[in-house]
Amino acid sequence: MMKQIDFVSSPEQEAARTSTTERKPKRRRRGSNGPREGHRRLTADIPADLHKRLKMQALMEECTVTDIIIEASRAWLASR
C-alpha cells in the first residue's frame, strides 16, 4: 500500500494527525444532513433557469426555495 503524501502539512502536523490519540467525533448540526421530522427529502432535476428564478424569488420574499416549492405543490394539488 502506498502512503499518501501531503505536501501542505509540516512533519509535526503529520505526526499529530496520525497519532493514536482518540479524537472526539464531529457533531452534526440538526437538520443539515437530513429532512426535518415529519418531512421527506425530495430530489428533482429542474432547468437551470427555473432554479435561478426560484432562488431569486426566495431572496426577494425572504423565504426559502423549499417554502416556495411547498406552497406551489399545495396549490397545484388543491386545483386537482
PDB file of N, CA and C in Angstrom:
ATOM      1  N   MET A   1       0.844  -1.168   0.000  1.00  0.00           N
ATOM      2  CA  MET A   1       0.000   0.000   0.000  1.00  0.00           C
ATOM      3  C   MET A   1       0.892   1.234   0.000  1.00  0.00           C
ATOM      4  N   MET A   2       0.569   2.177  -0.872  1.00  0.00           N
ATOM      5  CA  MET A   2       1.368   3.395  -0.975  1.00  0.00           C
ATOM      6  C   MET A   2       0.891   4.413   0.051  1.00  0.00           C
ATOM      7  N   LYS A   3       1.815   5.146   0.650  1.00  0.00           N
ATOM      8  CA  LYS A   3       1.483   6.185   1.602  1.00  0.00           C
ATOM      9  C   LYS A   3       1.149   7.458   0.835  1.00  0.00           C
ATOM     10  N   GLN A   4       0.048   8.098   1.235  1.00  0.00           N
ATOM     11  CA  GLN A   4      -0.343   9.355   0.613  1.00  0.00           C
ATOM     12  C   GLN A   4       0.551  10.466   1.149  1.00  0.00           C
ATOM     13  N   ILE A   5       1.044  11.284   0.264  1.00  0.00           N
ATOM     14  CA  ILE A   5       1.926  12.369   0.648  1.00  0.00           C
ATOM     15  C   ILE A   5       1.122  13.654   0.695  1.00  0.00           C
ATOM     16  N   ASP A   6       1.233  14.351   1.822  1.00  0.00           N
ATOM     17  CA  ASP A   6       0.561  15.627   1.994  1.00  0.00           C
ATOM     18  C   ASP A   6       1.614  16.720   1.876  1.00  0.00           C
ATOM     19  N   PHE A   7       1.563  17.490   0.808  1.00  0.00           N
ATOM     20  CA  PHE A   7       2.578  18.498   0.544  1.00  0.00           C
ATOM     21  C   PHE A   7       2.334  19.798   1.310  1.00  0.00           C
ATOM     22  N   VAL A   8       1.190  19.906   2.006  1.00  0.00           N
ATOM     23  CA  VAL A   8       0.863  21.129   2.700  1.00  0.00           C
ATOM     24  C   VAL A   8       1.245  21.062   4.178  1.00  0.00           C
ATOM     25  N   SER A   9       1.097  19.904   4.800  1.00  0.00           N
ATOM     26  CA  SER A   9       1.356  19.759   6.229  1.00  0.00           C
ATOM     27  C   SER A   9       2.844  19.677   6.519  1.00  0.00           C
ATOM     28  N   SER A  10       3.217  20.201   7.680  1.00  0.00           N
ATOM     29  CA  SER A  10       4.589  20.063   8.143  1.00  0.00           C
ATOM     30  C   SER A  10       4.749  18.669   8.758  1.00  0.00           C
ATOM     31  N   PRO A  11       5.967  18.197   8.932  1.00  0.00           N
ATOM     32  CA  PRO A  11       6.159  16.885   9.562  1.00  0.00           C
ATOM     33  C   PRO A  11       5.527  16.809  10.952  1.00  0.00           C
ATOM     34  N   GLU A  12       5.535  17.926  11.706  1.00  0.00           N
ATOM     35  CA  GLU A  12       4.921  17.934  13.032  1.00  0.00           C
ATOM     36  C   GLU A  12       3.408  17.772  12.934  1.00  0.00           C
ATOM     37  N   GLN A  13       2.807  18.460  11.968  1.00  0.00           N
ATOM     38  CA  GLN A  13       1.361  18.339  11.772  1.00  0.00           C
ATOM     39  C   GLN A  13       0.998  16.928  11.341  1.00  0.00           C
ATOM     40  N   GLU A  14       1.817  16.346  10.479  1.00  0.00           N
ATOM     41  CA  GLU A  14       1.579  14.978  10.017  1.00  0.00           C
ATOM     42  C   GLU A  14       1.643  14.003  11.184  1.00  0.00           C
ATOM     43  N   ALA A  15       2.630  14.172  12.063  1.00  0.00           N
ATOM     44  CA  ALA A  15       2.772  13.288  13.218  1.00  0.00           C
ATOM     45  C   ALA A  15       1.566  13.420  14.142  1.00  0.00           C
ATOM     46  N   ALA A  16       1.106  14.632  14.351  1.00  0.00           N
ATOM     47  CA  ALA A  16      -0.052  14.853  15.217  1.00  0.00           C
ATOM     48  C   ALA A  16      -1.309  14.263  14.605  1.00  0.00           C
ATOM     49  N   ARG A  17      -1.421  14.359  13.289  1.00  0.00           N
ATOM     50  CA  ARG A  17      -2.610  13.844  12.608  1.00  0.00           C
ATOM     51  C   ARG A  17      -2.680  12.332  12.655  1.00  0.00           C
ATOM     52  N   THR A  18      -1.546  11.684  12.583  1.00  0.00           N
ATOM     53  CA  THR A  18      -1.526  10.225  12.536  1.00  0.00           C
ATOM     54  C   THR A  18      -1.290   9.597  13.899  1.00  0.00           C
ATOM     55  N   SER A  19      -1.300  10.437  14.960  1.00  0.00           N
ATOM     56  CA  SER A  19      -1.075   9.885  16.293  1.00  0.00           C
ATOM     57  C   SER A  19      -2.257   9.007  16.693  1.00  0.00           C
ATOM     58  N   THR A  20      -2.042   8.224  17.702  1.00  0.00           N
ATOM     59  CA  THR A  20      -3.070   7.283  18.139  1.00  0.00           C
ATOM     60  C   THR A  20      -4.009   7.900  19.166  1.00  0.00           C
ATOM     61  N   THR A  21      -3.932   9.214  19.354  1.00  0.00           N
ATOM     62  CA  THR A  21      -4.845   9.852  20.305  1.00  0.00           C
ATOM     63  C   THR A  21      -6.266   9.741  19.786  1.00  0.00           C
ATOM     64  N   GLU A  22      -7.169   9.571  20.732  1.00  0.00           N
ATOM     65  CA  GLU A  22      -8.568   9.406  20.374  1.00  0.00           C
ATOM     66  C   GLU A  22      -9.168  10.761  20.032  1.00  0.00           C
ATOM     67  N   ARG A  23      -9.878  10.814  18.935  1.00  0.00           N
ATOM     68  CA  ARG A  23     -10.499  12.069  18.513  1.00  0.00           C
ATOM     69  C   ARG A  23     -11.972  12.048  18.849  1.00  0.00           C
ATOM     70  N   LYS A  24     -12.460  13.220  19.218  1.00  0.00           N
ATOM     71  CA  LYS A  24     -13.875  13.361  19.501  1.00  0.00           C
ATOM     72  C   LYS A  24     -14.623  13.431  18.169  1.00  0.00           C
ATOM     73  N   PRO A  25     -15.693  12.646  18.009  1.00  0.00           N
ATOM     74  CA  PRO A  25     -16.421  12.697  16.740  1.00  0.00           C
ATOM     75  C   PRO A  25     -17.081  14.056  16.535  1.00  0.00           C
ATOM     76  N   LYS A  26     -17.125  14.481  15.295  1.00  0.00           N
ATOM     77  CA  LYS A  26     -17.755  15.755  14.974  1.00  0.00           C
ATOM     78  C   LYS A  26     -19.259  15.617  15.171  1.00  0.00           C
ATOM     79  N   ARG A  27     -19.852  16.678  15.710  1.00  0.00           N
ATOM     80  CA  ARG A  27     -21.293  16.681  15.910  1.00  0.00           C
ATOM     81  C   ARG A  27     -21.967  17.235  14.671  1.00  0.00           C
ATOM     82  N   ARG A  28     -22.999  16.576  14.251  1.00  0.00           N
ATOM     83  CA  ARG A  28     -23.777  17.078  13.119  1.00  0.00           C
ATOM     84  C   ARG A  28     -24.770  18.106  13.608  1.00  0.00           C
ATOM     85  N   ARG A  29     -24.958  19.132  12.807  1.00  0.00           N
ATOM     86  CA  ARG A  29     -25.992  20.096  13.131  1.00  0.00           C
ATOM     87  C   ARG A  29     -27.322  19.478  12.768  1.00  0.00           C
ATOM     88  N   ARG A  30     -28.278  19.620  13.627  1.00  0.00           N
ATOM     89  CA  ARG A  30     -29.584  19.030  13.379  1.00  0.00           C
ATOM     90  C   ARG A  30     -30.205  19.638  12.131  1.00  0.00           C
ATOM     91  N   GLY A  31     -30.662  18.774  11.258  1.00  0.00           N
ATOM     92  CA  GLY A  31     -31.340  19.228  10.056  1.00  0.00           C
ATOM     93  C   GLY A  31     -30.431  19.526   8.888  1.00  0.00           C
ATOM     94  N   SER A  32     -29.136  19.557   9.099  1.00  0.00           N
ATOM     95  CA  SER A  32     -28.257  19.919   7.999  1.00  0.00           C
ATOM     96  C   SER A  32     -27.979  18.732   7.078  1.00  0.00           C
ATOM     97  N   ASN A  33     -28.200  17.520   7.550  1.00  0.00           N
ATOM     98  CA  ASN A  33     -27.889  16.347   6.742  1.00  0.00           C
ATOM     99  C   ASN A  33     -29.104  15.475   6.457  1.00  0.00           C
ATOM    100  N   GLY A  34     -30.250  15.947   6.771  1.00  0.00           N
ATOM    101  CA  GLY A  34     -31.436  15.157   6.531  1.00  0.00           C
ATOM    102  C   GLY A  34     -32.680  16.006   6.694  1.00  0.00           C
ATOM    103  N   PRO A  35     -33.804  15.437   6.312  1.00  0.00           N
ATOM    104  CA  PRO A  35     -35.046  16.203   6.417  1.00  0.00           C
ATOM    105  C   PRO A  35     -35.467  16.391   7.874  1.00  0.00           C
ATOM    106  N   ARG A  36     -36.233  17.443   8.114  1.00  0.00           N
ATOM    107  CA  ARG A  36     -36.784  17.686   9.444  1.00  0.00           C
ATOM    108  C   ARG A  36     -37.784  16.585   9.774  1.00  0.00           C
ATOM    109  N   GLU A  37     -38.073  16.438  11.038  1.00  0.00           N
ATOM    110  CA  GLU A  37     -39.031  15.422  11.459  1.00  0.00           C
ATOM    111  C   GLU A  37     -40.379  15.680  10.801  1.00  0.00           C
ATOM    112  N   GLY A  38     -40.993  14.627  10.298  1.00  0.00           N
ATOM    113  CA  GLY A  38     -42.275  14.757   9.626  1.00  0.00           C
ATOM    114  C   GLY A  38     -42.167  15.168   8.169  1.00  0.00           C
ATOM    115  N   HIS A  39     -40.967  15.289   7.662  1.00  0.00           N
ATOM    116  CA  HIS A  39     -40.734  15.681   6.272  1.00  0.00           C
ATOM    117  C   HIS A  39     -39.973  14.575   5.546  1.00  0.00           C
ATOM    118  N   ARG A  40     -39.992  14.622   4.240  1.00  0.00           N
ATOM    119  CA  ARG A  40     -39.236  13.700   3.400  1.00  0.00           C
ATOM    120  C   ARG A  40     -38.393  14.512   2.431  1.00  0.00           C
ATOM    121  N   ARG A  41     -37.212  14.008   2.119  1.00  0.00           N
ATOM    122  CA  ARG A  41     -36.320  14.671   1.176  1.00  0.00           C
ATOM    123  C   ARG A  41     -36.808  14.373  -0.242  1.00  0.00           C
ATOM    124  N   LEU A  42     -36.778  15.381  -1.097  1.00  0.00           N
ATOM    125  CA  LEU A  42     -37.186  15.250  -2.491  1.00  0.00           C
ATOM    126  C   LEU A  42     -36.076  15.809  -3.365  1.00  0.00           C
ATOM    127  N   THR A  43     -35.643  15.037  -4.335  1.00  0.00           N
ATOM    128  CA  THR A  43     -34.624  15.489  -5.273  1.00  0.00           C
ATOM    129  C   THR A  43     -35.230  15.501  -6.663  1.00  0.00           C
ATOM    130  N   ALA A  44     -35.055  16.608  -7.358  1.00  0.00           N
ATOM    131  CA  ALA A  44     -35.606  16.719  -8.707  1.00  0.00           C
ATOM    132  C   ALA A  44     -34.628  17.491  -9.583  1.00  0.00           C
ATOM    133  N   ASP A  45     -34.488  17.056 -10.808  1.00  0.00           N
ATOM    134  CA  ASP A  45     -33.687  17.788 -11.786  1.00  0.00           C
ATOM    135  C   ASP A  45     -34.617  18.781 -12.481  1.00  0.00           C
ATOM    136  N   ILE A  46     -34.276  20.073 -12.340  1.00  0.00           N
ATOM    137  CA  ILE A  46     -35.082  21.114 -12.970  1.00  0.00           C
ATOM    138  C   ILE A  46     -34.175  21.966 -13.850  1.00  0.00           C
ATOM    139  N   PRO A  47     -34.748  22.655 -14.830  1.00  0.00           N
ATOM    140  CA  PRO A  47     -33.932  23.508 -15.696  1.00  0.00           C
ATOM    141  C   PRO A  47     -33.202  24.575 -14.880  1.00  0.00           C
ATOM    142  N   ALA A  48     -31.986  24.883 -15.286  1.00  0.00           N
ATOM    143  CA  ALA A  48     -31.145  25.839 -14.569  1.00  0.00           C
ATOM    144  C   ALA A  48     -31.809  27.207 -14.464  1.00  0.00           C
ATOM    145  N   ASP A  49     -32.486  27.654 -15.506  1.00  0.00           N
ATOM    146  CA  ASP A  49     -33.124  28.972 -15.454  1.00  0.00           C
ATOM    147  C   ASP A  49     -34.272  29.000 -14.443  1.00  0.00           C
ATOM    148  N   LEU A  50     -35.004  27.904 -14.317  1.00  0.00           N
ATOM    149  CA  LEU A  50     -36.080  27.828 -13.331  1.00  0.00           C
ATOM    150  C   LEU A  50     -35.505  27.849 -11.917  1.00  0.00           C
ATOM    151  N   HIS A  51     -34.422  27.122 -11.707  1.00  0.00           N
ATOM    152  CA  HIS A  51     -33.760  27.116 -10.406  1.00  0.00           C
ATOM    153  C   HIS A  51     -33.300  28.518 -10.028  1.00  0.00           C
ATOM    154  N   LYS A  52     -32.714  29.215 -10.975  1.00  0.00           N
ATOM    155  CA  LYS A  52     -32.239  30.577 -10.722  1.00  0.00           C
ATOM    156  C   LYS A  52     -33.396  31.495 -10.368  1.00  0.00           C
ATOM    157  N   ARG A  53     -34.501  31.380 -11.090  1.00  0.00           N
ATOM    158  CA  ARG A  53     -35.670  32.217 -10.807  1.00  0.00           C
ATOM    159  C   ARG A  53     -36.250  31.913  -9.430  1.00  0.00           C
ATOM    160  N   LEU A  54     -36.277  30.625  -9.059  1.00  0.00           N
ATOM    161  CA  LEU A  54     -36.771  30.246  -7.735  1.00  0.00           C
ATOM    162  C   LEU A  54     -35.898  30.844  -6.634  1.00  0.00           C
ATOM    163  N   LYS A  55     -34.579  30.750  -6.803  1.00  0.00           N
ATOM    164  CA  LYS A  55     -33.666  31.299  -5.805  1.00  0.00           C
ATOM    165  C   LYS A  55     -33.810  32.813  -5.686  1.00  0.00           C
ATOM    166  N   MET A  56     -33.925  33.498  -6.812  1.00  0.00           N
ATOM    167  CA  MET A  56     -34.072  34.951  -6.805  1.00  0.00           C
ATOM    168  C   MET A  56     -35.388  35.356  -6.130  1.00  0.00           C
ATOM    169  N   GLN A  57     -36.459  34.643  -6.437  1.00  0.00           N
ATOM    170  CA  GLN A  57     -37.751  34.946  -5.827  1.00  0.00           C
ATOM    171  C   GLN A  57     -37.713  34.699  -4.327  1.00  0.00           C
ATOM    172  N   ALA A  58     -37.063  33.621  -3.917  1.00  0.00           N
ATOM    173  CA  ALA A  58     -36.935  33.322  -2.489  1.00  0.00           C
ATOM    174  C   ALA A  58     -36.175  34.436  -1.771  1.00  0.00           C
ATOM    175  N   LEU A  59     -35.119  34.943  -2.383  1.00  0.00           N
ATOM    176  CA  LEU A  59     -34.373  36.047  -1.791  1.00  0.00           C
ATOM    177  C   LEU A  59     -35.247  37.296  -1.652  1.00  0.00           C
ATOM    178  N   MET A  60     -35.997  37.599  -2.689  1.00  0.00           N
ATOM    179  CA  MET A  60     -36.843  38.796  -2.664  1.00  0.00           C
ATOM    180  C   MET A  60     -37.949  38.678  -1.618  1.00  0.00           C
ATOM    181  N   GLU A  61     -38.465  37.469  -1.422  1.00  0.00           N
ATOM    182  CA  GLU A  61     -39.554  37.262  -0.462  1.00  0.00           C
ATOM    183  C   GLU A  61     -39.047  36.868   0.921  1.00  0.00           C
ATOM    184  N   GLU A  62     -37.726  36.809   1.071  1.00  0.00           N
ATOM    185  CA  GLU A  62     -37.103  36.418   2.336  1.00  0.00           C
ATOM    186  C   GLU A  62     -37.658  35.095   2.858  1.00  0.00           C
ATOM    187  N   CYS A  63     -37.667  34.100   1.969  1.00  0.00           N
ATOM    188  CA  CYS A  63     -38.076  32.749   2.334  1.00  0.00           C
ATOM    189  C   CYS A  63     -37.108  31.791   1.655  1.00  0.00           C
ATOM    190  N   THR A  64     -37.392  30.511   1.712  1.00  0.00           N
ATOM    191  CA  THR A  64     -36.515  29.526   1.080  1.00  0.00           C
ATOM    192  C   THR A  64     -37.162  28.986  -0.191  1.00  0.00           C
ATOM    193  N   VAL A  65     -36.343  28.384  -1.025  1.00  0.00           N
ATOM    194  CA  VAL A  65     -36.859  27.715  -2.220  1.00  0.00           C
ATOM    195  C   VAL A  65     -37.815  26.602  -1.783  1.00  0.00           C
ATOM    196  N   THR A  66     -37.492  25.939  -0.701  1.00  0.00           N
ATOM    197  CA  THR A  66     -38.364  24.883  -0.169  1.00  0.00           C
ATOM    198  C   THR A  66     -39.741  25.444   0.146  1.00  0.00           C
ATOM    199  N   ASP A  67     -39.796  26.626   0.769  1.00  0.00           N
ATOM    200  CA  ASP A  67     -41.086  27.243   1.079  1.00  0.00           C
ATOM    201  C   ASP A  67     -41.902  27.478  -0.191  1.00  0.00           C
ATOM    202  N   ILE A  68     -41.246  27.952  -1.227  1.00  0.00           N
ATOM    203  CA  ILE A  68     -41.939  28.221  -2.498  1.00  0.00           C
ATOM    204  C   ILE A  68     -42.435  26.924  -3.114  1.00  0.00           C
ATOM    205  N   ILE A  69     -41.610  25.889  -3.104  1.00  0.00           N
ATOM    206  CA  ILE A  69     -41.995  24.605  -3.698  1.00  0.00           C
ATOM    207  C   ILE A  69     -43.161  23.991  -2.935  1.00  0.00           C
ATOM    208  N   ILE A  70     -43.142  24.083  -1.605  1.00  0.00           N
ATOM    209  CA  ILE A  70     -44.247  23.537  -0.807  1.00  0.00           C
ATOM    210  C   ILE A  70     -45.538  24.284  -1.124  1.00  0.00           C
ATOM    211  N   GLU A  71     -45.459  25.613  -1.149  1.00  0.00           N
ATOM    212  CA  GLU A  71     -46.650  26.416  -1.455  1.00  0.00           C
ATOM    213  C   GLU A  71     -47.188  26.104  -2.853  1.00  0.00           C
ATOM    214  N   ALA A  72     -46.304  26.026  -3.836  1.00  0.00           N
ATOM    215  CA  ALA A  72     -46.727  25.735  -5.213  1.00  0.00           C
ATOM    216  C   ALA A  72     -47.307  24.324  -5.327  1.00  0.00           C
ATOM    217  N   SER A  73     -46.714  23.376  -4.638  1.00  0.00           N
ATOM    218  CA  SER A  73     -47.214  21.997  -4.673  1.00  0.00           C
ATOM    219  C   SER A  73     -48.590  21.891  -4.061  1.00  0.00           C
ATOM    220  N   ARG A  74     -48.786  22.567  -2.931  1.00  0.00           N
ATOM    221  CA  ARG A  74     -50.108  22.536  -2.288  1.00  0.00           C
ATOM    222  C   ARG A  74     -51.163  23.176  -3.184  1.00  0.00           C
ATOM    223  N   ALA A  75     -50.820  24.293  -3.819  1.00  0.00           N
ATOM    224  CA  ALA A  75     -51.773  24.961  -4.715  1.00  0.00           C
ATOM    225  C   ALA A  75     -52.095  24.080  -5.911  1.00  0.00           C
ATOM    226  N   TRP A  76     -51.094  23.434  -6.454  1.00  0.00           N
ATOM    227  CA  TRP A  76     -51.301  22.552  -7.618  1.00  0.00           C
ATOM    228  C   TRP A  76     -52.182  21.370  -7.242  1.00  0.00           C
ATOM    229  N   LEU A  77     -51.906  20.757  -6.090  1.00  0.00           N
ATOM    230  CA  LEU A  77     -52.726  19.615  -5.652  1.00  0.00           C
ATOM    231  C   LEU A  77     -54.151  20.034  -5.327  1.00  0.00           C
ATOM    232  N   ALA A  78     -54.332  21.219  -4.764  1.00  0.00           N
ATOM    233  CA  ALA A  78     -55.672  21.701  -4.444  1.00  0.00           C
ATOM    234  C   ALA A  78     -56.500  21.945  -5.702  1.00  0.00           C
ATOM    235  N   SER A  79     -55.840  22.252  -6.811  1.00  0.00           N
ATOM    236  CA  SER A  79     -56.559  22.511  -8.066  1.00  0.00           C
ATOM    237  C   SER A  79     -56.956  21.222  -8.774  1.00  0.00           C
ATOM    238  N   ARG A  80     -56.569  20.088  -8.254  1.00  0.00           N
ATOM    239  CA  ARG A  80     -56.875  18.798  -8.879  1.00  0.00           C
ATOM    240  C   ARG A  80     -58.184  18.238  -8.398  1.00  0.00           C
TER     241      ARG A  80
END
